[in-house]
Amino acid sequence: MNGKKFLQSREPSYSSRFFDAMPASAYVIDAAYTVLDVNAAVCDCHQMEQHEVIGQKCYTLFGEVAPCQNCPVPQVIASGRPLEKEIFRKAEETWHFLRAFSIEGEGEQAIIGTVTRDITASQNAEKFLEEFDSKIKHFIDRMPIGCILWDQEFKVSLWNPAAEKIFGYSETDARGKHP
């Protein structure tokens, strides 16, 4: 079934109301990246009406001139299997989790569904925590007094150089052990 027939076959139903109620952005595209259908979240995201989005290449909605780097759609078309990826959109400087799956057809006749959500905040939080953890480790390693951190099972999770001098065990020897 080609894209035009797909759109004509879609009648308002329980599933279309469910599609529009999803908080994640959902797109239906063909093998040439042409948008065939979208849910209300897509329209909200791009501040466009549905008829303005349909017919465009999906990547142009994100300020790109070619398919997004790391786009899973070609792999889904080739394999017919769902695929999930994290995509960085340079134009917006945002991270998105994207799940692409085959709806019907193969090759150039494929109809692909994608569901995407913005994960920029969680990516930034993860990066912040990694940097913070590194700074804390750096601070603890330079403390002149022995510092030992235990996990919830009361096993050593951090053992600084001053603790090595006091107790005579390296951090490698002490890590994971009970006191």
Foldseek 3Di string as FASTA:
>chain_A
DALVVVLVPDDDDPVLVVQQPDCWKKFKAFLQQFTSFIHVNLCVVLVHDGVVRGGDRVVVSLVDPDPFPPDCSVVCLVPQAKDWDWGQRVSVRWIKIKIKHWPDDHDRRTIIMMTIDTCRVVVVVVVVVVVVVVVVLVVQQPDCAWDFDADPVQATQDTHPNNCVVVVDDRVRRGRHHD
